[in-house]
Amino acid sequence: MAARENQGYVIGIIVLAVLAVMLLVTTVFSTMKAYENYDKKIAAEENATFQQAYADASTAKANMLSACVGVEGIDANEITTYRDQITSFKRNVDSSKAGEIQQIADSAQTIYETYKKDMAFNSAITDAGDGAVDSDMTYKGTIDKMASALNASNANAFDKSKEARRIEREAQQKITTITNTLEERTKALTQTEQDLSDEKQRNAAEEKELGNLAKSLQDAMDDQRAEFDDQKAGLEKMIADTNENMKFVAKQNAALKAKVNEYEREVFDLADGEIVRVSDSSDTVFIDLGRLDGVRANLTFAVYDQTANDFEKDRHKAMIEITEILGPHLAKARITTDDPKNPILTKDQILSATFDRGDSVTIALGGFFDLDGDGLSDLAKLKRMIVRNGGSVVASHDENGNITGEIDSTTRFFVLGPSPRAGAQNVVKAMGAMKEQAEGNAVDIIDIRKLLNWMGVHGNARIERMDSRIGESTGFQPRTPAGR
């Protein structure tokens, strides 16, 4: 009986020991879990502090960029304040992540150095004289001030040119008056000589007296002629000086125009040249473009009436092809197509979308170009037409949407064609990306119809005659027309 009681005590002790061990294990596990959660909390707080500092630094950088550009509501005087704020945010984060904040600070400093360099030009025309940052010391302010200064210079040049023309008109009027006076006196002298001749036959004495009178009149006329020559020489010198002034004004206007074109890029549909002579014996014309203008043989131009000012609306009246370069600014061309009811005349304008006087017109192509309506891509044919007309293709894409080349501010036109008939999302994305790139660089976006009109191409037959080669790589895989 006593043995059974001892056995019960042993079992109780064992149970208590097991419970104690379980309690100890549970306590240790709970403690370790608490430490782990505490470490996660500290890490989360440090990460939140870093994210806030990173966001504040990025916001300060964005505000600095807005101040440099000249966004309304942000003062240019705060540029350095925003830049210095970025460095201060680095102090609030752990040293292991301070490098990312420093990268933003370094980027902001690079932007600031570029801003100071660009504003060196602005400082030459700014009206701030107290050493403070002018509110217009921004990129927007720079462009506005340059435009204002150029407009003022243009107005001054126009006034000078107007005054020069006035002086020239007055000088011409004086020359005309003196010439008329001389003619009248010459007529009077001729009549006097005739009277003297008649009087000589009747009376020798009177002839001598009239001879003396004629001599006196001759002397007076010589004096007047000498005075006229002096006045004429003075007026000719005045005209020469006026012409020199007009040349200087013209040169100054050309320089101002070049500067305006450099800072404000605007593209206008202007004619490339004009017809200077039409041959009577053959289908040949001569144009005012030559070797120094970058014209070459086989280049084609569309001919527009001399009064045309909207080349898309008016459409061309004829086509010519360059056959011979005759001089710096003279070339010979044959008439390839014309309208007998509307013949080519001197002073008619010529235009090619792929030619620019002295330079090559840069063109980008995006979309599916089916020029002859057979359902197949004519991209390669279109590129050859552009190059043959003096242009260059700087960017395009294939049927998989892979873009080659790049559209920048020097690109003249972006020709946006239709999307492929079959759903090609990659091509559509490529077209959208190229259009966005063109819009961002202020490139003119035109359709294929306008490009072909400018090159003087209308209808499928015309396109086939310009390039009848087939079987060459087009950049798009052959595709049968829809429904076949």
Protein backbone atom coordinates (compact mmCIF):
# COMPACT_ATOMS: atom_id res chain seq x y z
CA MET A 1 0.00 0.00 0.00
CA ALA A 2 2.87 2.32 0.88
CA ALA A 3 4.53 1.49 -2.44
CA ARG A 4 1.47 2.60 -4.37
CA GLU A 5 1.38 5.93 -2.54
CA ASN A 6 5.06 6.56 -3.34
CA GLN A 7 4.38 5.74 -6.97
CA GLY A 8 1.61 8.36 -7.05
CA TYR A 9 3.94 10.98 -5.64
CA VAL A 10 6.53 10.21 -8.30
CA ILE A 11 3.96 10.54 -11.05
CA GLY A 12 2.81 13.87 -9.61
CA ILE A 13 6.37 15.15 -9.49
CA ILE A 14 6.96 14.07 -13.09
CA VAL A 15 3.78 15.85 -14.24
CA LEU A 16 4.85 19.01 -12.41
CA ALA A 17 8.29 18.82 -13.99
CA VAL A 18 6.81 18.42 -17.47
CA LEU A 19 4.50 21.38 -16.89
CA ALA A 20 7.42 23.47 -15.64
CA VAL A 21 9.46 22.63 -18.74
CA MET A 22 6.50 23.48 -20.98
CA LEU A 23 6.02 26.78 -19.16
CA LEU A 24 9.72 27.60 -19.57
CA VAL A 25 9.68 26.78 -23.29
CA THR A 26 6.55 28.87 -23.79
CA THR A 27 8.10 31.80 -21.92
CA VAL A 28 11.34 31.64 -23.98
CA PHE A 29 9.40 31.40 -27.26
CA SER A 30 7.16 34.36 -26.31
CA THR A 31 10.20 36.43 -25.34
CA MET A 32 11.96 35.67 -28.65
CA LYS A 33 8.81 36.55 -30.58
CA ALA A 34 8.51 39.83 -28.67
CA TYR A 35 12.10 40.75 -29.55
CA GLU A 36 11.50 39.83 -33.17
CA ASN A 37 8.38 42.00 -33.36
CA TYR A 38 10.25 44.87 -31.70
CA ASP A 39 13.03 44.64 -34.32
CA LYS A 40 10.42 44.68 -37.10
CA LYS A 41 8.83 47.75 -35.55
CA ILE A 42 12.17 49.58 -35.41
CA ALA A 43 12.92 48.60 -39.03
CA ALA A 44 9.47 49.77 -40.16
CA GLU A 45 9.88 53.12 -38.39
CA GLU A 46 13.33 53.62 -39.96
CA ASN A 47 11.95 52.71 -43.40
CA ALA A 48 9.01 55.13 -42.94
CA THR A 49 11.46 57.89 -41.95
CA PHE A 50 13.56 57.14 -45.05
CA GLN A 51 10.52 57.08 -47.36
CA GLN A 52 9.32 60.43 -45.98
CA ALA A 53 12.79 61.96 -46.38
CA TYR A 54 13.06 60.54 -49.90
CA ALA A 55 9.62 61.92 -50.82
CA ASP A 56 10.47 65.34 -49.32
CA ALA A 57 13.80 65.41 -51.22
CA SER A 58 12.07 64.47 -54.48
CA THR A 59 9.42 67.16 -53.88
CA ALA A 60 12.14 69.76 -53.21
CA LYS A 61 13.91 68.72 -56.43
CA ALA A 62 10.63 68.97 -58.39
CA ASN A 63 9.98 72.45 -56.92
CA MET A 64 13.52 73.46 -57.86
CA LEU A 65 12.98 72.28 -61.45
CA SER A 66 9.66 74.17 -61.58
CA ALA A 67 11.39 77.33 -60.32
CA CYS A 68 14.14 76.94 -62.97
CA VAL A 69 11.56 76.52 -65.73
CA GLY A 70 9.44 79.41 -64.45
CA VAL A 71 6.21 77.65 -63.45
CA GLU A 72 3.67 80.19 -62.27
CA GLY A 73 3.48 80.46 -58.46
CA ILE A 74 7.06 79.30 -57.74
CA ASP A 75 9.65 82.07 -57.24
CA ALA A 76 13.07 81.73 -58.90
CA ASN A 77 14.64 83.12 -55.69
CA GLU A 78 13.71 79.80 -53.98
CA ILE A 79 15.92 77.67 -56.28
CA THR A 80 18.88 77.52 -53.89
CA THR A 81 16.51 77.05 -50.93
CA TYR A 82 15.00 73.94 -52.50
CA ARG A 83 18.47 72.67 -53.40
CA ASP A 84 19.77 73.08 -49.81
CA GLN A 85 16.63 71.46 -48.36
CA ILE A 86 17.49 68.16 -50.06
CA THR A 87 20.80 67.86 -48.14
CA SER A 88 19.04 68.60 -44.84
CA PHE A 89 16.69 65.65 -45.34
CA LYS A 90 19.69 63.30 -45.33
CA ARG A 91 20.28 63.92 -41.62
CA ASN A 92 16.96 62.29 -40.68
CA VAL A 93 17.68 58.86 -42.19
CA ASP A 94 19.96 55.98 -41.38
CA SER A 95 23.48 56.29 -42.77
CA SER A 96 23.03 53.10 -44.81
CA LYS A 97 20.27 54.79 -46.85
CA ALA A 98 21.60 58.34 -46.83
CA GLY A 99 23.31 57.63 -50.15
CA GLU A 100 19.96 57.58 -52.01
CA ILE A 101 19.10 61.03 -50.64
CA GLN A 102 22.61 62.17 -51.60
CA GLN A 103 21.99 61.00 -55.19
CA ILE A 104 18.97 63.32 -55.36
CA ALA A 105 21.08 66.13 -53.87
CA ASP A 106 23.86 65.51 -56.45
CA SER A 107 21.30 65.49 -59.27
CA ALA A 108 19.80 68.77 -57.97
CA GLN A 109 23.30 70.32 -57.82
CA THR A 110 23.98 69.27 -61.44
CA ILE A 111 20.67 70.84 -62.49
CA TYR A 112 21.56 74.01 -60.58
CA GLU A 113 25.00 74.26 -62.29
CA THR A 114 23.35 73.84 -65.70
CA TYR A 115 20.73 76.45 -64.75
CA LYS A 116 23.45 78.98 -63.73
CA LYS A 117 25.30 78.41 -67.00
CA ASP A 118 22.12 78.85 -69.09
CA MET A 119 21.13 81.98 -67.17
CA ALA A 120 24.47 83.63 -68.14
CA PHE A 121 22.77 84.61 -71.39
CA ASN A 122 19.70 85.82 -69.51
CA SER A 123 21.88 88.10 -67.35
CA ALA A 124 22.97 90.00 -70.45
CA ILE A 125 19.39 91.20 -71.08
CA THR A 126 17.94 91.20 -67.54
CA ASP A 127 16.97 94.46 -65.85
CA ALA A 128 17.81 93.34 -62.28
CA GLY A 129 20.68 95.48 -60.94
CA ASP A 130 20.61 94.85 -57.17
CA GLY A 131 22.40 91.48 -57.26
CA ALA A 132 19.21 89.56 -56.43
CA VAL A 133 17.84 86.76 -58.61
CA ASP A 134 15.50 88.30 -61.15
CA SER A 135 12.01 86.81 -61.13
CA ASP A 136 12.47 86.29 -64.88
CA MET A 137 15.76 84.40 -64.44
CA THR A 138 14.06 81.24 -65.65
CA TYR A 139 14.03 79.36 -68.91
CA LYS A 140 10.57 80.74 -69.67
CA GLY A 141 11.70 84.27 -68.78
CA THR A 142 14.79 83.87 -70.98
CA ILE A 143 12.70 82.95 -74.02
CA ASP A 144 10.22 85.79 -73.37
CA LYS A 145 12.99 88.38 -73.03
CA MET A 146 14.81 87.15 -76.12
CA ALA A 147 11.60 87.32 -78.14
CA SER A 148 10.94 90.86 -76.82
CA ALA A 149 14.49 92.00 -77.65
CA LEU A 150 14.33 90.51 -81.15
CA ASN A 151 10.94 92.11 -81.80
CA ALA A 152 12.33 95.48 -80.74
CA SER A 153 15.35 95.05 -83.01
CA ASN A 154 13.09 94.06 -85.91
CA ALA A 155 10.92 97.13 -85.34
CA ASN A 156 14.01 99.38 -85.28
CA ALA A 157 15.37 97.76 -88.45
CA PHE A 158 12.00 98.23 -90.15
CA ASP A 159 11.96 101.95 -89.25
CA LYS A 160 15.48 102.38 -90.65
CA SER A 161 14.54 100.58 -93.84
CA LYS A 162 11.42 102.74 -94.20
CA GLU A 163 13.48 105.93 -93.72
CA ALA A 164 16.05 104.73 -96.29
CA ARG A 165 13.30 104.16 -98.86
CA ARG A 166 11.92 107.63 -98.16
CA ILE A 167 15.34 109.22 -98.76
CA GLU A 168 15.75 107.25 -101.97
CA ARG A 169 12.34 108.40 -103.26
CA GLU A 170 13.17 112.06 -102.50
CA ALA A 171 16.54 111.72 -104.24
CA GLN A 172 14.90 110.17 -107.29
CA GLN A 173 12.35 112.99 -107.41
CA LYS A 174 15.14 115.59 -107.33
CA ILE A 175 17.00 113.84 -110.15
CA THR A 176 13.80 113.73 -112.20
CA THR A 177 13.16 117.45 -111.60
CA ILE A 178 16.70 118.47 -112.60
CA THR A 179 16.59 116.21 -115.68
CA ASN A 180 13.30 117.77 -116.81
CA THR A 181 14.74 121.26 -116.29
CA LEU A 182 17.80 120.37 -118.36
CA GLU A 183 15.63 119.01 -121.16
CA GLU A 184 13.51 122.15 -121.18
CA ARG A 185 16.57 124.39 -121.34
CA THR A 186 18.11 122.23 -124.04
CA LYS A 187 14.94 122.63 -126.10
CA ALA A 188 15.03 126.37 -125.49
CA LEU A 189 18.68 126.50 -126.62
CA THR A 190 17.86 124.55 -129.78
CA GLN A 191 15.07 126.98 -130.59
CA THR A 192 17.39 129.90 -129.94
CA GLU A 193 20.03 128.46 -132.27
CA GLN A 194 17.38 128.05 -134.96
CA ASP A 195 16.31 131.67 -134.52
CA LEU A 196 19.92 132.78 -134.77
CA SER A 197 20.35 130.84 -137.99
CA ASP A 198 17.34 132.59 -139.52
CA GLU A 199 18.52 135.98 -138.36
CA LYS A 200 22.01 135.30 -139.78
CA GLN A 201 20.54 135.07 -143.29
CA ARG A 202 18.83 138.43 -142.98
CA ASN A 203 21.41 140.49 -141.18
CA ALA A 204 25.09 139.80 -140.53
CA ALA A 205 25.19 142.40 -137.79
CA GLU A 206 22.33 140.80 -136.01
CA GLU A 207 24.01 137.44 -136.57
CA LYS A 208 27.07 138.66 -134.68
CA GLU A 209 24.94 140.06 -131.91
CA LEU A 210 22.89 136.89 -131.72
CA GLY A 211 26.13 134.88 -131.79
CA ASN A 212 27.29 136.78 -128.73
CA LEU A 213 23.93 136.11 -127.13
CA ALA A 214 24.20 132.41 -128.00
CA LYS A 215 27.67 132.32 -126.45
CA SER A 216 26.27 133.89 -123.30
CA LEU A 217 23.47 131.35 -123.24
CA GLN A 218 25.99 128.54 -123.84
CA ASP A 219 28.11 129.74 -120.96
CA ALA A 220 25.03 129.90 -118.75
CA MET A 221 24.01 126.42 -119.84
CA ASP A 222 27.53 125.12 -119.18
CA ASP A 223 27.37 126.63 -115.72
CA GLN A 224 24.00 125.04 -115.15
CA ARG A 225 25.22 121.70 -116.56
CA ALA A 226 28.24 121.82 -114.25
CA GLU A 227 25.91 122.60 -111.34
CA PHE A 228 23.63 119.75 -112.42
CA ASP A 229 26.60 117.35 -112.62
CA ASP A 230 27.65 118.35 -109.11
CA GLN A 231 24.10 117.83 -107.81
CA LYS A 232 23.79 114.54 -109.71
CA ALA A 233 27.10 113.29 -108.26
CA GLY A 234 25.91 114.23 -104.77
CA LEU A 235 22.58 112.47 -105.28
CA GLU A 236 24.29 109.38 -106.72
CA LYS A 237 26.52 109.26 -103.66
CA MET A 238 23.45 109.63 -101.46
CA ILE A 239 21.75 106.78 -103.34
CA ALA A 240 24.86 104.60 -103.02
CA ASP A 241 25.00 105.31 -99.27
CA THR A 242 21.28 104.53 -99.03
CA ASN A 243 21.77 101.22 -100.86
CA GLU A 244 24.61 100.31 -98.49
CA ASN A 245 22.36 101.12 -95.54
CA MET A 246 19.61 98.98 -97.01
CA LYS A 247 22.06 96.10 -97.51
CA PHE A 248 23.16 96.46 -93.88
CA VAL A 249 19.54 96.46 -92.72
CA ALA A 250 18.82 93.40 -94.86
CA LYS A 251 21.86 91.62 -93.43
CA GLN A 252 20.80 92.58 -89.90
CA ASN A 253 17.27 91.30 -90.54
CA ALA A 254 18.71 88.01 -91.83
CA ALA A 255 20.81 87.63 -88.68
CA LEU A 256 17.81 88.39 -86.45
CA LYS A 257 15.73 85.89 -88.37
CA ALA A 258 18.42 83.23 -87.85
CA LYS A 259 18.36 83.88 -84.10
CA VAL A 260 14.58 83.70 -83.93
CA ASN A 261 14.67 80.38 -85.83
CA GLU A 262 17.25 79.07 -83.39
CA TYR A 263 15.20 79.76 -80.20
CA GLU A 264 11.64 79.53 -81.51
CA ARG A 265 11.32 76.67 -83.89
CA GLU A 266 8.41 77.26 -86.28
CA VAL A 267 7.85 75.39 -89.54
CA PHE A 268 5.98 77.04 -92.44
CA ASP A 269 4.93 75.62 -95.81
CA LEU A 270 7.13 77.83 -97.99
CA ALA A 271 8.16 77.24 -101.58
CA ASP A 272 11.72 75.96 -102.15
CA GLY A 273 12.30 78.09 -105.25
CA GLU A 274 10.73 79.35 -108.46
CA ILE A 275 10.78 79.02 -112.26
CA VAL A 276 13.15 81.64 -113.73
CA ARG A 277 12.69 80.76 -117.41
CA VAL A 278 10.54 78.49 -119.62
CA SER A 279 12.04 77.19 -122.85
CA ASP A 280 9.93 77.85 -125.97
CA SER A 281 11.40 75.02 -128.06
CA SER A 282 11.19 72.04 -125.67
CA ASP A 283 9.63 70.80 -122.46
CA THR A 284 12.40 72.41 -120.42
CA VAL A 285 12.44 74.97 -117.61
CA PHE A 286 15.13 76.65 -115.49
CA ILE A 287 14.91 77.11 -111.70
CA ASP A 288 16.74 79.33 -109.18
CA LEU A 289 18.28 76.40 -107.28
CA GLY A 290 21.76 75.11 -108.03
CA ARG A 291 24.92 73.50 -106.74
CA LEU A 292 25.22 75.62 -103.58
CA ASP A 293 21.57 74.88 -102.69
CA GLY A 294 22.11 71.11 -102.53
CA VAL A 295 20.13 70.31 -105.71
CA ARG A 296 21.10 67.14 -107.60
CA ALA A 297 20.08 65.42 -110.81
CA ASN A 298 16.82 63.36 -110.88
CA LEU A 299 15.35 65.37 -107.97
CA THR A 300 11.66 66.07 -108.63
CA PHE A 301 9.63 69.17 -107.69
CA ALA A 302 5.94 69.98 -107.79
CA VAL A 303 5.08 73.24 -109.61
CA TYR A 304 2.47 75.60 -108.08
CA ASP A 305 1.01 78.80 -109.44
CA GLN A 306 2.96 81.92 -108.47
CA THR A 307 -0.04 83.18 -106.47
CA ALA A 308 -0.48 79.96 -104.46
CA ASN A 309 -0.04 80.25 -100.69
CA ASP A 310 -1.67 77.01 -99.51
CA PHE A 311 0.20 74.21 -101.26
CA GLU A 312 -2.09 71.47 -99.92
CA LYS A 313 -5.28 73.26 -100.97
CA ASP A 314 -4.14 74.55 -104.38
CA ARG A 315 -2.50 71.26 -105.47
CA HIS A 316 0.33 71.34 -108.02
CA LYS A 317 -0.18 72.14 -111.69
CA ALA A 318 2.85 70.24 -113.06
CA MET A 319 5.91 68.14 -112.21
CA ILE A 320 9.56 68.71 -113.18
CA GLU A 321 12.72 66.62 -112.82
CA ILE A 322 16.26 68.09 -112.51
CA THR A 323 18.43 67.09 -115.49
CA GLU A 324 21.50 69.37 -115.22
CA ILE A 325 23.13 71.66 -112.63
CA LEU A 326 24.21 74.85 -114.44
CA GLY A 327 25.54 77.07 -111.65
CA PRO A 328 25.57 77.94 -107.94
CA HIS A 329 21.87 78.88 -108.07
CA LEU A 330 20.68 77.68 -111.49
CA ALA A 331 19.53 74.27 -112.74
CA LYS A 332 17.83 72.86 -115.81
CA ALA A 333 14.78 70.57 -115.51
CA ARG A 334 12.47 68.67 -117.84
CA ILE A 335 8.70 68.81 -117.55
CA THR A 336 7.41 65.33 -116.67
CA THR A 337 3.73 66.18 -116.33
CA ASP A 338 1.77 69.36 -117.06
CA ASP A 339 -1.65 70.70 -117.95
CA PRO A 340 -1.92 72.47 -121.35
CA LYS A 341 -4.82 74.50 -119.94
CA ASN A 342 -2.61 75.72 -117.11
CA PRO A 343 0.97 75.93 -118.47
CA ILE A 344 4.10 76.58 -116.44
CA LEU A 345 5.00 80.29 -116.29
CA THR A 346 7.96 82.30 -115.07
CA LYS A 347 7.76 83.05 -111.32
CA ASP A 348 5.72 79.87 -110.67
CA GLN A 349 6.71 78.32 -107.33
CA ILE A 350 8.34 74.89 -106.85
CA LEU A 351 8.12 72.70 -103.76
CA SER A 352 9.34 69.33 -102.52
CA ALA A 353 8.58 68.06 -99.01
CA THR A 354 11.90 66.16 -99.00
CA PHE A 355 14.14 69.05 -100.06
CA ASP A 356 15.39 72.00 -98.02
CA ARG A 357 17.68 74.57 -99.62
CA GLY A 358 21.25 73.65 -98.66
CA ASP A 359 20.15 70.81 -96.38
CA SER A 360 18.42 67.44 -96.33
CA VAL A 361 14.84 67.32 -94.98
CA THR A 362 14.64 64.80 -92.15
CA ILE A 363 11.47 62.68 -92.02
CA ALA A 364 10.16 60.04 -89.60
CA LEU A 365 7.60 57.39 -90.66
CA GLY A 366 5.04 55.65 -88.46
CA GLY A 367 2.13 53.41 -89.49
CA PHE A 368 1.20 51.02 -92.32
CA PHE A 369 1.85 52.59 -95.75
CA ASP A 370 0.00 50.91 -98.63
CA LEU A 371 0.59 53.29 -101.53
CA ASP A 372 -0.97 51.24 -104.33
CA GLY A 373 -3.91 49.65 -102.46
CA ASP A 374 -2.76 46.03 -102.83
CA GLY A 375 -2.83 45.35 -99.08
CA LEU A 376 0.99 45.05 -98.88
CA SER A 377 3.41 47.38 -97.15
CA ASP A 378 5.15 49.93 -99.41
CA LEU A 379 7.47 51.23 -96.65
CA ALA A 380 10.69 50.52 -98.57
CA LYS A 381 9.24 52.11 -101.73
CA LEU A 382 8.24 55.22 -99.77
CA LYS A 383 11.73 55.47 -98.25
CA ARG A 384 13.32 55.30 -101.71
CA MET A 385 10.96 58.01 -102.99
CA ILE A 386 11.93 60.28 -100.07
CA VAL A 387 15.69 59.71 -100.55
CA ARG A 388 15.42 60.17 -104.32
CA ASN A 389 13.76 63.55 -103.71
CA GLY A 390 16.59 64.76 -101.45
CA GLY A 391 15.18 63.81 -98.03
CA SER A 392 16.33 61.35 -95.39
CA VAL A 393 14.37 58.95 -93.16
CA VAL A 394 15.66 59.25 -89.59
CA ALA A 395 13.17 56.98 -87.80
CA SER A 396 10.63 54.22 -88.60
CA HIS A 397 9.38 50.86 -87.28
CA ASP A 398 8.88 47.36 -88.65
CA GLU A 399 5.77 45.12 -88.51
CA ASN A 400 6.70 43.96 -84.99
CA GLY A 401 6.76 47.50 -83.61
CA ASN A 402 10.59 47.68 -83.35
CA ILE A 403 11.60 51.33 -83.73
CA THR A 404 14.83 52.23 -85.51
CA GLY A 405 16.25 55.74 -85.28
CA GLU A 406 14.99 58.59 -83.13
CA ILE A 407 12.83 61.70 -83.50
CA ASP A 408 14.47 64.85 -82.09
CA SER A 409 14.11 68.62 -82.47
CA THR A 410 15.97 68.52 -85.84
CA THR A 411 13.35 66.23 -87.44
CA ARG A 412 11.26 68.23 -89.94
CA PHE A 413 8.17 66.05 -90.42
CA PHE A 414 6.59 62.97 -88.80
CA VAL A 415 4.40 61.19 -91.36
CA LEU A 416 1.69 59.33 -89.41
CA GLY A 417 0.02 56.63 -91.48
CA PRO A 418 -2.97 54.38 -90.67
CA SER A 419 -2.72 51.41 -88.31
CA PRO A 420 -2.42 47.90 -89.81
CA ARG A 421 -5.76 46.27 -90.60
CA ALA A 422 -5.00 43.25 -88.43
CA GLY A 423 -4.70 43.94 -84.71
CA ALA A 424 -0.95 44.54 -84.20
CA GLN A 425 -0.73 46.03 -80.72
CA ASN A 426 3.06 46.39 -80.87
CA VAL A 427 2.79 48.49 -84.03
CA VAL A 428 0.05 50.65 -82.48
CA LYS A 429 2.23 51.17 -79.40
CA ALA A 430 5.21 52.07 -81.60
CA MET A 431 3.10 54.59 -83.53
CA GLY A 432 1.90 56.13 -80.25
CA ALA A 433 5.44 56.33 -78.87
CA MET A 434 6.75 57.99 -82.05
CA LYS A 435 3.85 60.45 -82.09
CA GLU A 436 4.49 61.36 -78.46
CA GLN A 437 8.18 61.82 -79.26
CA ALA A 438 7.31 64.05 -82.24
CA GLU A 439 4.92 66.19 -80.19
CA GLY A 440 7.48 66.53 -77.40
CA ASN A 441 10.06 67.88 -79.89
CA ALA A 442 7.60 70.23 -81.71
CA VAL A 443 7.85 68.22 -84.95
CA ASP A 444 5.15 68.81 -87.59
CA ILE A 445 2.85 65.76 -87.84
CA ILE A 446 1.41 65.25 -91.35
CA ASP A 447 -0.40 62.42 -93.15
CA ILE A 448 0.90 60.48 -96.15
CA ARG A 449 -1.48 62.32 -98.49
CA LYS A 450 0.11 65.71 -97.70
CA LEU A 451 3.64 64.29 -98.10
CA LEU A 452 2.78 62.82 -101.51
CA ASN A 453 1.09 66.08 -102.58
CA TRP A 454 4.22 68.04 -101.67
CA MET A 455 6.33 65.60 -103.66
CA GLY A 456 3.87 65.97 -106.52
CA VAL A 457 2.54 62.41 -106.33
CA HIS A 458 -1.23 61.74 -106.75
CA GLY A 459 -2.90 58.39 -107.39
CA ASN A 460 -1.60 54.85 -107.69
CA ALA A 461 -0.48 55.17 -111.30
CA ARG A 462 1.89 58.04 -110.50
CA ILE A 463 3.47 56.04 -107.66
CA GLU A 464 3.98 52.98 -109.86
CA ARG A 465 5.75 55.03 -112.56
CA MET A 466 8.14 56.56 -110.03
CA ASP A 467 9.27 53.14 -108.77
CA SER A 468 8.05 49.95 -110.43
CA ARG A 469 10.55 47.62 -108.76
CA ILE A 470 9.01 44.75 -106.80
CA GLY A 471 10.18 41.86 -104.72
CA GLU A 472 12.44 43.93 -102.44
CA SER A 473 12.39 43.97 -98.64
CA THR A 474 9.79 46.44 -97.38
CA GLY A 475 10.30 46.28 -93.64
CA PHE A 476 6.84 44.57 -93.34
CA GLN A 477 6.19 40.91 -94.17
CA PRO A 478 3.90 40.34 -97.19
CA ARG A 479 0.23 40.40 -96.21
CA THR A 480 -2.68 39.49 -98.45
CA PRO A 481 -5.50 42.03 -98.78
CA ALA A 482 -8.38 41.71 -96.32
CA GLY A 483 -10.92 39.13 -97.34
CA ARG A 484 -8.58 37.20 -99.68
